[in-house]
Amino acid sequence: MVEDILKENYVVIDVETTGLNTKKDEIIAFASIPIKEMKIHMDESYFTLIKPERFRITSIKYHGITENDLLSAPEFYEVAEKIENALISSVVVGYAVNIDVEFLRNAFKKKLRKKLKIRGYLDIAEIEHWLIKRRGRAVNFKLDFDSLLKIYRIEKFSRHSAMGDAFATAYIFLKQLSQLQELDVSPEDLTRFGKKIVFF
């Protein structure tokens, strides 16, 4: 039932990394924002910088985080429990979220020798692609994050910061949930949206 979607607990996440290689690069910032009963709970949000083993200076152009910013940041093992607690009881939501999830899973495996358990995840780009097709229109442009910001009329904010991107994603996802409600979409329907959506 569609009510199951609206009552579900979600957590919007975003990570900043030293690069795009999920096996070799490292997480240097993590942000999470819970969504419960169709409301963003900023009072329960979590953000942390994370000190990597190796810093790649070329990554600064993407997120603006410098090596000096990370000098006093905690190492991954020091914040792993908080990250796990933020994820463990909710469906994870994000943009290109499968990549973020892979970074997190690899970090837990490599640094803690532990398997990170995630209930499921939803990608806002995949959802938007489905909504556009459902309206009978062709998706003739790339649904990158900036395109989604334009669709939902989100203007200036802190792009490429973990918390800024997570907040914009949470706003977009709430708007999408309202549309899914109108279309009477069930959790089972969500699993058919695309490979970047796993809901269970």
N, C-alpha and C. Protein backbone atom coordinates (compact mmCIF):
# COMPACT_ATOMS: atom_id res chain seq x y z
N MET A 1 0.84 -1.20 0.00
CA MET A 1 0.00 0.00 0.00
C MET A 1 0.87 1.24 0.00
N VAL A 2 0.34 2.32 -0.58
CA VAL A 2 1.09 3.56 -0.65
C VAL A 2 1.38 4.12 0.73
N GLU A 3 0.49 3.83 1.72
CA GLU A 3 0.72 4.31 3.07
C GLU A 3 2.03 3.77 3.64
N ASP A 4 2.42 2.58 3.20
CA ASP A 4 3.67 2.00 3.67
C ASP A 4 4.87 2.86 3.26
N ILE A 5 4.79 3.46 2.09
CA ILE A 5 5.86 4.33 1.62
C ILE A 5 5.93 5.58 2.48
N LEU A 6 4.78 6.14 2.80
CA LEU A 6 4.75 7.39 3.56
C LEU A 6 5.16 7.19 5.01
N LYS A 7 4.89 6.00 5.56
CA LYS A 7 5.22 5.73 6.96
C LYS A 7 6.64 5.23 7.15
N GLU A 8 7.29 4.88 6.06
CA GLU A 8 8.64 4.33 6.14
C GLU A 8 9.62 5.36 6.69
N ASN A 9 10.63 4.88 7.40
CA ASN A 9 11.73 5.75 7.84
C ASN A 9 12.81 5.76 6.77
N TYR A 10 13.22 6.97 6.40
CA TYR A 10 14.26 7.14 5.40
C TYR A 10 15.42 7.91 6.01
N VAL A 11 16.60 7.75 5.42
CA VAL A 11 17.73 8.59 5.79
C VAL A 11 18.44 9.01 4.51
N VAL A 12 18.50 10.30 4.30
CA VAL A 12 19.18 10.84 3.12
C VAL A 12 20.66 10.99 3.45
N ILE A 13 21.51 10.50 2.56
CA ILE A 13 22.95 10.57 2.83
C ILE A 13 23.69 11.23 1.68
N ASP A 14 24.86 11.73 1.99
CA ASP A 14 25.79 12.18 0.96
C ASP A 14 27.20 12.03 1.51
N VAL A 15 28.11 11.63 0.66
CA VAL A 15 29.51 11.53 1.08
C VAL A 15 30.37 12.32 0.11
N GLU A 16 31.47 12.86 0.63
CA GLU A 16 32.52 13.44 -0.20
C GLU A 16 33.74 12.54 -0.06
N THR A 17 34.47 12.38 -1.15
CA THR A 17 35.55 11.41 -1.17
C THR A 17 36.82 11.98 -1.81
N THR A 18 37.89 11.22 -1.72
CA THR A 18 39.16 11.64 -2.31
C THR A 18 39.21 11.35 -3.81
N GLY A 19 38.20 10.70 -4.33
CA GLY A 19 38.14 10.37 -5.75
C GLY A 19 36.92 9.52 -6.04
N LEU A 20 36.82 8.98 -7.24
CA LEU A 20 35.64 8.23 -7.64
C LEU A 20 35.83 6.72 -7.65
N ASN A 21 37.02 6.26 -7.30
CA ASN A 21 37.28 4.83 -7.26
C ASN A 21 36.83 4.28 -5.91
N THR A 22 35.73 3.54 -5.91
CA THR A 22 35.15 3.07 -4.65
C THR A 22 36.04 2.07 -3.91
N LYS A 23 37.00 1.47 -4.62
CA LYS A 23 37.88 0.49 -3.97
C LYS A 23 39.15 1.13 -3.41
N LYS A 24 39.61 2.22 -4.05
CA LYS A 24 40.87 2.82 -3.64
C LYS A 24 40.73 4.15 -2.92
N ASP A 25 39.72 4.93 -3.29
CA ASP A 25 39.55 6.24 -2.68
C ASP A 25 38.81 6.13 -1.35
N GLU A 26 38.83 7.23 -0.58
CA GLU A 26 38.30 7.20 0.78
C GLU A 26 37.26 8.28 1.02
N ILE A 27 36.42 8.02 1.99
CA ILE A 27 35.41 9.00 2.40
C ILE A 27 36.08 10.06 3.28
N ILE A 28 35.82 11.34 2.98
CA ILE A 28 36.37 12.40 3.81
C ILE A 28 35.28 13.26 4.45
N ALA A 29 34.02 13.03 4.07
CA ALA A 29 32.90 13.71 4.72
C ALA A 29 31.65 12.86 4.57
N PHE A 30 30.85 12.85 5.61
CA PHE A 30 29.59 12.08 5.62
C PHE A 30 28.50 12.93 6.23
N ALA A 31 27.33 12.91 5.61
CA ALA A 31 26.17 13.62 6.16
C ALA A 31 24.94 12.75 6.04
N SER A 32 24.08 12.81 7.04
CA SER A 32 22.82 12.06 7.00
C SER A 32 21.70 12.92 7.58
N ILE A 33 20.53 12.81 6.97
CA ILE A 33 19.35 13.55 7.43
C ILE A 33 18.16 12.59 7.43
N PRO A 34 17.56 12.32 8.59
CA PRO A 34 16.41 11.42 8.65
C PRO A 34 15.14 12.08 8.09
N ILE A 35 14.30 11.27 7.48
CA ILE A 35 12.95 11.68 7.08
C ILE A 35 11.99 10.68 7.69
N LYS A 36 11.09 11.20 8.53
CA LYS A 36 10.10 10.35 9.18
C LYS A 36 8.72 10.98 9.02
N GLU A 37 7.77 10.16 8.60
CA GLU A 37 6.40 10.62 8.43
C GLU A 37 6.34 11.90 7.59
N MET A 38 7.08 11.87 6.49
CA MET A 38 7.07 12.96 5.51
C MET A 38 7.63 14.27 6.06
N LYS A 39 8.51 14.19 7.04
CA LYS A 39 9.12 15.39 7.59
C LYS A 39 10.64 15.22 7.68
N ILE A 40 11.36 16.28 7.34
CA ILE A 40 12.82 16.30 7.48
C ILE A 40 13.16 16.61 8.94
N HIS A 41 13.98 15.79 9.54
CA HIS A 41 14.35 15.96 10.95
C HIS A 41 15.80 16.44 11.05
N MET A 42 16.00 17.74 10.87
CA MET A 42 17.35 18.28 10.93
C MET A 42 17.95 18.17 12.33
N ASP A 43 17.09 18.10 13.35
CA ASP A 43 17.60 17.98 14.72
C ASP A 43 18.28 16.63 14.95
N GLU A 44 18.03 15.65 14.06
CA GLU A 44 18.66 14.34 14.17
C GLU A 44 19.69 14.12 13.07
N SER A 45 20.04 15.19 12.36
CA SER A 45 21.02 15.05 11.27
C SER A 45 22.41 14.83 11.86
N TYR A 46 23.29 14.33 11.01
CA TYR A 46 24.66 14.05 11.46
C TYR A 46 25.64 14.42 10.35
N PHE A 47 26.71 15.09 10.73
CA PHE A 47 27.76 15.44 9.78
C PHE A 47 29.12 15.27 10.43
N THR A 48 30.05 14.76 9.66
CA THR A 48 31.42 14.68 10.15
C THR A 48 32.40 14.70 8.99
N LEU A 49 33.53 15.35 9.21
CA LEU A 49 34.67 15.17 8.34
C LEU A 49 35.40 13.91 8.78
N ILE A 50 36.15 13.30 7.89
CA ILE A 50 36.85 12.06 8.20
C ILE A 50 38.26 12.14 7.63
N LYS A 51 39.24 11.88 8.46
CA LYS A 51 40.63 11.95 8.02
C LYS A 51 40.98 10.69 7.20
N PRO A 52 41.41 10.87 5.96
CA PRO A 52 41.78 9.71 5.14
C PRO A 52 43.23 9.28 5.39
N GLU A 53 43.55 8.09 4.94
CA GLU A 53 44.94 7.64 5.02
C GLU A 53 45.79 8.42 4.02
N ARG A 54 45.21 8.68 2.85
CA ARG A 54 45.88 9.45 1.82
C ARG A 54 44.92 10.49 1.25
N PHE A 55 45.42 11.71 1.11
CA PHE A 55 44.60 12.79 0.57
C PHE A 55 45.03 13.09 -0.86
N ARG A 56 44.06 13.26 -1.75
CA ARG A 56 44.36 13.59 -3.14
C ARG A 56 44.01 15.05 -3.37
N ILE A 57 45.01 15.85 -3.64
CA ILE A 57 44.82 17.30 -3.79
C ILE A 57 43.89 17.64 -4.95
N THR A 58 43.86 16.78 -5.97
CA THR A 58 43.01 17.04 -7.14
C THR A 58 41.52 17.00 -6.80
N SER A 59 41.17 16.36 -5.69
CA SER A 59 39.75 16.25 -5.33
C SER A 59 39.20 17.54 -4.76
N ILE A 60 40.07 18.48 -4.41
CA ILE A 60 39.61 19.74 -3.81
C ILE A 60 38.65 20.48 -4.74
N LYS A 61 38.89 20.39 -6.05
CA LYS A 61 38.06 21.12 -7.00
C LYS A 61 36.61 20.66 -6.99
N TYR A 62 36.35 19.46 -6.46
CA TYR A 62 34.99 18.94 -6.42
C TYR A 62 34.26 19.30 -5.13
N HIS A 63 34.95 19.25 -4.00
CA HIS A 63 34.26 19.45 -2.72
C HIS A 63 34.81 20.60 -1.89
N GLY A 64 35.95 21.14 -2.25
CA GLY A 64 36.50 22.29 -1.53
C GLY A 64 37.12 21.96 -0.19
N ILE A 65 37.22 20.69 0.13
CA ILE A 65 37.81 20.28 1.41
C ILE A 65 39.31 20.13 1.22
N THR A 66 40.08 20.83 2.04
CA THR A 66 41.54 20.78 1.93
C THR A 66 42.13 19.81 2.96
N GLU A 67 43.39 19.50 2.77
CA GLU A 67 44.06 18.60 3.71
C GLU A 67 44.13 19.23 5.10
N ASN A 68 44.28 20.56 5.15
CA ASN A 68 44.30 21.26 6.44
C ASN A 68 42.96 21.14 7.17
N ASP A 69 41.86 21.11 6.40
CA ASP A 69 40.53 20.95 7.01
C ASP A 69 40.41 19.62 7.75
N LEU A 70 41.21 18.67 7.33
CA LEU A 70 41.08 17.30 7.86
C LEU A 70 42.10 16.97 8.94
N LEU A 71 42.95 17.92 9.27
CA LEU A 71 44.02 17.64 10.23
C LEU A 71 43.49 17.17 11.58
N SER A 72 42.42 17.79 12.05
CA SER A 72 41.87 17.41 13.36
C SER A 72 40.60 16.56 13.24
N ALA A 73 40.30 16.11 12.03
CA ALA A 73 39.11 15.28 11.81
C ALA A 73 39.32 13.89 12.40
N PRO A 74 38.25 13.24 12.82
CA PRO A 74 38.37 11.86 13.34
C PRO A 74 38.68 10.89 12.21
N GLU A 75 39.27 9.76 12.55
CA GLU A 75 39.45 8.70 11.57
C GLU A 75 38.15 7.91 11.45
N PHE A 76 38.05 7.12 10.39
CA PHE A 76 36.79 6.44 10.10
C PHE A 76 36.31 5.58 11.27
N TYR A 77 37.22 4.84 11.88
CA TYR A 77 36.81 3.93 12.95
C TYR A 77 36.19 4.67 14.13
N GLU A 78 36.55 5.96 14.29
CA GLU A 78 36.03 6.75 15.40
C GLU A 78 34.58 7.18 15.18
N VAL A 79 34.14 7.25 13.94
CA VAL A 79 32.77 7.71 13.65
C VAL A 79 31.92 6.59 13.05
N ALA A 80 32.49 5.42 12.85
CA ALA A 80 31.80 4.32 12.18
C ALA A 80 30.50 3.94 12.88
N GLU A 81 30.51 3.92 14.21
CA GLU A 81 29.31 3.52 14.95
C GLU A 81 28.17 4.52 14.73
N LYS A 82 28.50 5.82 14.72
CA LYS A 82 27.47 6.84 14.48
C LYS A 82 26.92 6.72 13.07
N ILE A 83 27.80 6.46 12.12
CA ILE A 83 27.34 6.29 10.74
C ILE A 83 26.43 5.08 10.63
N GLU A 84 26.85 3.98 11.23
CA GLU A 84 26.04 2.75 11.18
C GLU A 84 24.68 2.96 11.84
N ASN A 85 24.66 3.64 12.97
CA ASN A 85 23.39 3.90 13.66
C ASN A 85 22.47 4.79 12.84
N ALA A 86 23.05 5.68 12.05
CA ALA A 86 22.24 6.56 11.21
C ALA A 86 21.56 5.78 10.08
N LEU A 87 22.18 4.67 9.67
CA LEU A 87 21.70 3.93 8.51
C LEU A 87 20.87 2.71 8.84
N ILE A 88 21.09 2.13 9.98
CA ILE A 88 20.69 0.74 10.24
C ILE A 88 19.18 0.50 10.20
N SER A 89 18.37 1.46 10.60
CA SER A 89 16.93 1.21 10.70
C SER A 89 16.11 1.94 9.65
N SER A 90 16.76 2.48 8.62
CA SER A 90 16.05 3.28 7.63
C SER A 90 16.43 2.86 6.21
N VAL A 91 15.57 3.20 5.27
CA VAL A 91 15.89 3.04 3.85
C VAL A 91 16.74 4.23 3.44
N VAL A 92 17.88 3.96 2.83
CA VAL A 92 18.83 5.00 2.46
C VAL A 92 18.40 5.67 1.15
N VAL A 93 18.50 6.99 1.12
CA VAL A 93 18.10 7.77 -0.06
C VAL A 93 19.26 8.66 -0.47
N GLY A 94 19.47 8.83 -1.77
CA GLY A 94 20.51 9.73 -2.23
C GLY A 94 20.50 9.89 -3.73
N TYR A 95 21.43 10.68 -4.22
CA TYR A 95 21.66 10.81 -5.66
C TYR A 95 22.89 9.98 -6.00
N ALA A 96 22.76 9.11 -7.02
CA ALA A 96 23.82 8.14 -7.32
C ALA A 96 24.17 7.39 -6.04
N VAL A 97 23.13 7.02 -5.32
CA VAL A 97 23.29 6.49 -3.97
C VAL A 97 24.00 5.16 -3.93
N ASN A 98 23.92 4.40 -5.02
CA ASN A 98 24.62 3.11 -5.04
C ASN A 98 26.14 3.30 -4.89
N ILE A 99 26.64 4.43 -5.39
CA ILE A 99 28.07 4.71 -5.26
C ILE A 99 28.40 5.04 -3.80
N ASP A 100 27.58 5.88 -3.17
CA ASP A 100 27.79 6.21 -1.76
C ASP A 100 27.74 4.96 -0.90
N VAL A 101 26.76 4.10 -1.18
CA VAL A 101 26.62 2.86 -0.42
C VAL A 101 27.85 1.97 -0.60
N GLU A 102 28.36 1.90 -1.82
CA GLU A 102 29.55 1.09 -2.07
C GLU A 102 30.76 1.64 -1.33
N PHE A 103 30.92 2.97 -1.32
CA PHE A 103 32.01 3.58 -0.56
C PHE A 103 31.90 3.21 0.92
N LEU A 104 30.70 3.29 1.46
CA LEU A 104 30.50 3.00 2.87
C LEU A 104 30.76 1.52 3.17
N ARG A 105 30.25 0.65 2.33
CA ARG A 105 30.46 -0.78 2.55
C ARG A 105 31.94 -1.14 2.49
N ASN A 106 32.65 -0.56 1.53
CA ASN A 106 34.08 -0.83 1.40
C ASN A 106 34.87 -0.29 2.59
N ALA A 107 34.44 0.88 3.10
CA ALA A 107 35.12 1.46 4.26
C ALA A 107 34.96 0.57 5.49
N PHE A 108 33.74 0.08 5.70
CA PHE A 108 33.51 -0.80 6.85
C PHE A 108 34.29 -2.10 6.69
N LYS A 109 34.34 -2.62 5.48
CA LYS A 109 35.04 -3.89 5.24
C LYS A 109 36.55 -3.71 5.39
N LYS A 110 37.08 -2.65 4.80
CA LYS A 110 38.54 -2.45 4.79
C LYS A 110 39.07 -2.00 6.14
N LYS A 111 38.38 -1.07 6.77
CA LYS A 111 38.91 -0.46 7.99
C LYS A 111 38.46 -1.16 9.27
N LEU A 112 37.30 -1.84 9.21
CA LEU A 112 36.78 -2.49 10.41
C LEU A 112 36.59 -4.00 10.26
N ARG A 113 36.78 -4.48 9.03
CA ARG A 113 36.52 -5.89 8.74
C ARG A 113 35.11 -6.28 9.17
N LYS A 114 34.20 -5.42 8.79
CA LYS A 114 32.80 -5.59 9.20
C LYS A 114 31.89 -5.36 8.01
N LYS A 115 30.80 -6.13 7.95
CA LYS A 115 29.83 -5.96 6.88
C LYS A 115 28.77 -4.94 7.30
N LEU A 116 28.61 -3.90 6.50
CA LEU A 116 27.60 -2.89 6.78
C LEU A 116 26.26 -3.37 6.25
N LYS A 117 25.28 -3.45 7.12
CA LYS A 117 23.95 -3.90 6.72
C LYS A 117 23.06 -2.70 6.43
N ILE A 118 22.47 -2.70 5.24
CA ILE A 118 21.56 -1.64 4.83
C ILE A 118 20.26 -2.27 4.37
N ARG A 119 19.14 -1.76 4.87
CA ARG A 119 17.82 -2.34 4.54
C ARG A 119 17.49 -2.22 3.06
N GLY A 120 17.86 -1.10 2.48
CA GLY A 120 17.55 -0.86 1.08
C GLY A 120 17.93 0.56 0.73
N TYR A 121 17.88 0.90 -0.55
CA TYR A 121 18.21 2.27 -0.92
C TYR A 121 17.41 2.72 -2.14
N LEU A 122 17.22 4.02 -2.23
CA LEU A 122 16.46 4.64 -3.31
C LEU A 122 17.29 5.76 -3.92
N ASP A 123 17.26 5.84 -5.24
CA ASP A 123 18.00 6.88 -5.94
C ASP A 123 17.02 7.90 -6.51
N ILE A 124 17.18 9.16 -6.16
CA ILE A 124 16.21 10.18 -6.59
C ILE A 124 16.22 10.39 -8.10
N ALA A 125 17.34 10.14 -8.77
CA ALA A 125 17.38 10.28 -10.23
C ALA A 125 16.55 9.18 -10.89
N GLU A 126 16.64 7.96 -10.37
CA GLU A 126 15.85 6.85 -10.90
C GLU A 126 14.36 7.10 -10.67
N ILE A 127 14.01 7.62 -9.50
CA ILE A 127 12.61 7.91 -9.22
C ILE A 127 12.09 8.98 -10.17
N GLU A 128 12.89 10.03 -10.39
CA GLU A 128 12.46 11.12 -11.28
C GLU A 128 12.30 10.62 -12.71
N HIS A 129 13.22 9.76 -13.14
CA HIS A 129 13.12 9.17 -14.48
C HIS A 129 11.80 8.43 -14.64
N TRP A 130 11.43 7.66 -13.63
CA TRP A 130 10.17 6.92 -13.66
C TRP A 130 8.97 7.87 -13.66
N LEU A 131 9.02 8.92 -12.85
CA LEU A 131 7.91 9.88 -12.79
C LEU A 131 7.71 10.59 -14.13
N ILE A 132 8.81 10.96 -14.78
CA ILE A 132 8.70 11.63 -16.08
C ILE A 132 8.06 10.70 -17.11
N LYS A 133 8.50 9.45 -17.12
CA LYS A 133 7.92 8.48 -18.05
C LYS A 133 6.46 8.22 -17.73
N ARG A 134 6.12 8.20 -16.43
CA ARG A 134 4.74 7.95 -16.01
C ARG A 134 3.82 9.08 -16.49
N ARG A 135 4.38 10.29 -16.60
CA ARG A 135 3.59 11.42 -17.10
C ARG A 135 3.48 11.40 -18.62
N GLY A 136 4.08 10.39 -19.24
CA GLY A 136 3.97 10.26 -20.68
C GLY A 136 4.96 11.09 -21.46
N ARG A 137 6.01 11.54 -20.80
CA ARG A 137 7.01 12.35 -21.48
C ARG A 137 8.31 11.56 -21.65
N ALA A 138 9.08 11.95 -22.64
CA ALA A 138 10.37 11.30 -22.87
C ALA A 138 11.45 11.98 -22.04
N VAL A 139 12.37 11.19 -21.54
CA VAL A 139 13.51 11.74 -20.81
C VAL A 139 14.62 11.97 -21.83
N ASN A 140 14.66 13.20 -22.36
CA ASN A 140 15.62 13.49 -23.42
C ASN A 140 16.79 14.35 -22.94
N PHE A 141 17.04 14.27 -21.64
CA PHE A 141 18.18 14.98 -21.08
C PHE A 141 18.72 14.17 -19.90
N LYS A 142 19.96 14.44 -19.55
CA LYS A 142 20.59 13.70 -18.46
C LYS A 142 20.06 14.20 -17.12
N LEU A 143 19.62 13.27 -16.29
CA LEU A 143 19.08 13.65 -14.98
C LEU A 143 20.22 13.74 -13.97
N ASP A 144 21.12 14.70 -14.18
CA ASP A 144 22.16 14.91 -13.20
C ASP A 144 21.60 15.73 -12.04
N PHE A 145 22.40 15.94 -11.03
CA PHE A 145 21.90 16.59 -9.82
C PHE A 145 21.45 18.03 -10.09
N ASP A 146 22.19 18.73 -10.94
CA ASP A 146 21.82 20.11 -11.27
C ASP A 146 20.48 20.16 -12.00
N SER A 147 20.20 19.17 -12.84
CA SER A 147 18.91 19.10 -13.52
C SER A 147 17.77 18.91 -12.53
N LEU A 148 18.00 18.08 -11.53
CA LEU A 148 16.98 17.86 -10.51
C LEU A 148 16.74 19.14 -9.70
N LEU A 149 17.80 19.89 -9.43
CA LEU A 149 17.64 21.16 -8.72
C LEU A 149 16.76 22.12 -9.52
N LYS A 150 16.95 22.12 -10.83
CA LYS A 150 16.14 23.01 -11.68
C LYS A 150 14.68 22.56 -11.72
N ILE A 151 14.48 21.25 -11.83
CA ILE A 151 13.11 20.71 -11.87
C ILE A 151 12.33 21.12 -10.62
N TYR A 152 12.98 21.07 -9.47
CA TYR A 152 12.31 21.37 -8.21
C TYR A 152 12.59 22.79 -7.71
N ARG A 153 13.14 23.60 -8.60
CA ARG A 153 13.34 25.03 -8.35
C ARG A 153 14.11 25.31 -7.06
N ILE A 154 15.17 24.55 -6.90
CA ILE A 154 16.05 24.77 -5.76
C ILE A 154 17.22 25.62 -6.27
N GLU A 155 17.36 26.80 -5.72
CA GLU A 155 18.39 27.71 -6.20
C GLU A 155 19.64 27.62 -5.34
N LYS A 156 20.29 28.72 -5.13
CA LYS A 156 21.61 28.73 -4.52
C LYS A 156 21.64 28.05 -3.15
N PHE A 157 22.59 27.16 -2.98
CA PHE A 157 22.86 26.54 -1.69
C PHE A 157 24.26 25.95 -1.78
N SER A 158 24.69 25.35 -0.73
CA SER A 158 26.08 24.88 -0.66
C SER A 158 26.26 23.57 -1.43
N ARG A 159 26.47 23.70 -2.75
CA ARG A 159 26.68 22.53 -3.58
C ARG A 159 28.02 21.88 -3.29
N HIS A 160 28.05 20.58 -3.46
CA HIS A 160 29.24 19.77 -3.26
C HIS A 160 29.76 19.84 -1.82
N SER A 161 28.87 20.14 -0.88
CA SER A 161 29.18 19.90 0.52
C SER A 161 28.23 18.78 0.93
N ALA A 162 28.69 17.88 1.77
CA ALA A 162 27.89 16.71 2.10
C ALA A 162 26.53 17.09 2.69
N MET A 163 26.52 18.01 3.64
CA MET A 163 25.26 18.38 4.27
C MET A 163 24.37 19.19 3.32
N GLY A 164 24.97 20.08 2.53
CA GLY A 164 24.19 20.86 1.58
C GLY A 164 23.52 19.98 0.55
N ASP A 165 24.26 19.04 -0.01
CA ASP A 165 23.69 18.13 -1.00
C ASP A 165 22.65 17.20 -0.38
N ALA A 166 22.89 16.76 0.85
CA ALA A 166 21.93 15.89 1.53
C ALA A 166 20.61 16.63 1.78
N PHE A 167 20.69 17.89 2.17
CA PHE A 167 19.47 18.65 2.42
C PHE A 167 18.68 18.87 1.13
N ALA A 168 19.36 19.22 0.05
CA ALA A 168 18.67 19.40 -1.23
C ALA A 168 18.04 18.09 -1.68
N THR A 169 18.75 16.99 -1.49
CA THR A 169 18.22 15.67 -1.85
C THR A 169 16.98 15.33 -1.03
N ALA A 170 17.02 15.65 0.26
CA ALA A 170 15.86 15.39 1.13
C ALA A 170 14.64 16.17 0.66
N TYR A 171 14.84 17.42 0.27
CA TYR A 171 13.75 18.26 -0.22
C TYR A 171 13.16 17.67 -1.50
N ILE A 172 14.03 17.27 -2.43
CA ILE A 172 13.56 16.67 -3.68
C ILE A 172 12.80 15.38 -3.40
N PHE A 173 13.33 14.57 -2.52
CA PHE A 173 12.70 13.27 -2.23
C PHE A 173 11.31 13.45 -1.62
N LEU A 174 11.15 14.43 -0.75
CA LEU A 174 9.81 14.69 -0.19
C LEU A 174 8.82 15.07 -1.28
N LYS A 175 9.26 15.88 -2.23
CA LYS A 175 8.40 16.26 -3.36
C LYS A 175 8.06 15.03 -4.19
N GLN A 176 9.03 14.15 -4.37
CA GLN A 176 8.78 12.92 -5.12
C GLN A 176 7.82 12.00 -4.38
N LEU A 177 7.96 11.91 -3.07
CA LEU A 177 7.05 11.07 -2.28
C LEU A 177 5.61 11.54 -2.44
N SER A 178 5.40 12.84 -2.47
CA SER A 178 4.05 13.38 -2.66
C SER A 178 3.47 12.94 -4.01
N GLN A 179 4.32 12.94 -5.04
CA GLN A 179 3.86 12.51 -6.35
C GLN A 179 3.58 11.01 -6.38
N LEU A 180 4.42 10.25 -5.70
CA LEU A 180 4.19 8.81 -5.63
C LEU A 180 2.90 8.50 -4.88
N GLN A 181 2.60 9.31 -3.88
CA GLN A 181 1.35 9.15 -3.15
C GLN A 181 0.16 9.37 -4.07
N GLU A 182 0.23 10.41 -4.88
CA GLU A 182 -0.86 10.70 -5.82
C GLU A 182 -1.05 9.58 -6.83
N LEU A 183 0.04 8.92 -7.19
CA LEU A 183 -0.01 7.83 -8.17
C LEU A 183 -0.29 6.48 -7.53
N ASP A 184 -0.45 6.47 -6.19
CA ASP A 184 -0.77 5.25 -5.45
C ASP A 184 0.28 4.16 -5.68
N VAL A 185 1.55 4.56 -5.56
CA VAL A 185 2.66 3.63 -5.77
C VAL A 185 2.94 2.87 -4.48
N SER A 186 3.19 1.58 -4.60
CA SER A 186 3.47 0.72 -3.45
C SER A 186 4.97 0.47 -3.34
N PRO A 187 5.44 -0.04 -2.19
CA PRO A 187 6.86 -0.42 -2.08
C PRO A 187 7.28 -1.43 -3.14
N GLU A 188 6.36 -2.33 -3.50
CA GLU A 188 6.67 -3.32 -4.53
C GLU A 188 6.90 -2.64 -5.88
N ASP A 189 6.11 -1.57 -6.15
CA ASP A 189 6.31 -0.81 -7.39
C ASP A 189 7.69 -0.17 -7.42
N LEU A 190 8.13 0.32 -6.27
CA LEU A 190 9.42 0.99 -6.20
C LEU A 190 10.56 0.08 -6.61
N THR A 191 10.45 -1.19 -6.28
CA THR A 191 11.53 -2.13 -6.59
C THR A 191 11.69 -2.33 -8.09
N ARG A 192 10.67 -1.94 -8.86
CA ARG A 192 10.73 -2.14 -10.31
C ARG A 192 11.23 -0.90 -11.03
N PHE A 193 11.54 0.16 -10.29
CA PHE A 193 11.93 1.41 -10.94
C PHE A 193 13.25 1.30 -11.67
N GLY A 194 14.22 0.63 -11.07
CA GLY A 194 15.52 0.56 -11.72
C GLY A 194 16.56 -0.09 -10.84
N LYS A 195 17.71 -0.33 -11.41
CA LYS A 195 18.75 -1.07 -10.71
C LYS A 195 19.33 -0.31 -9.53
N LYS A 196 19.14 1.01 -9.49
CA LYS A 196 19.67 1.79 -8.39
C LYS A 196 18.68 1.91 -7.24
N ILE A 197 17.57 1.18 -7.36
CA ILE A 197 16.59 1.21 -6.29
C ILE A 197 16.41 -0.21 -5.75
N VAL A 198 16.70 -0.37 -4.50
CA VAL A 198 16.51 -1.64 -3.83
C VAL A 198 15.73 -1.37 -2.56
N PHE A 199 14.50 -1.85 -2.50
CA PHE A 199 13.62 -1.55 -1.38
C PHE A 199 13.12 -2.86 -0.81
N PHE A 200 13.51 -3.17 0.44
CA PHE A 200 13.07 -4.43 1.04
C PHE A 200 13.09 -4.34 2.54
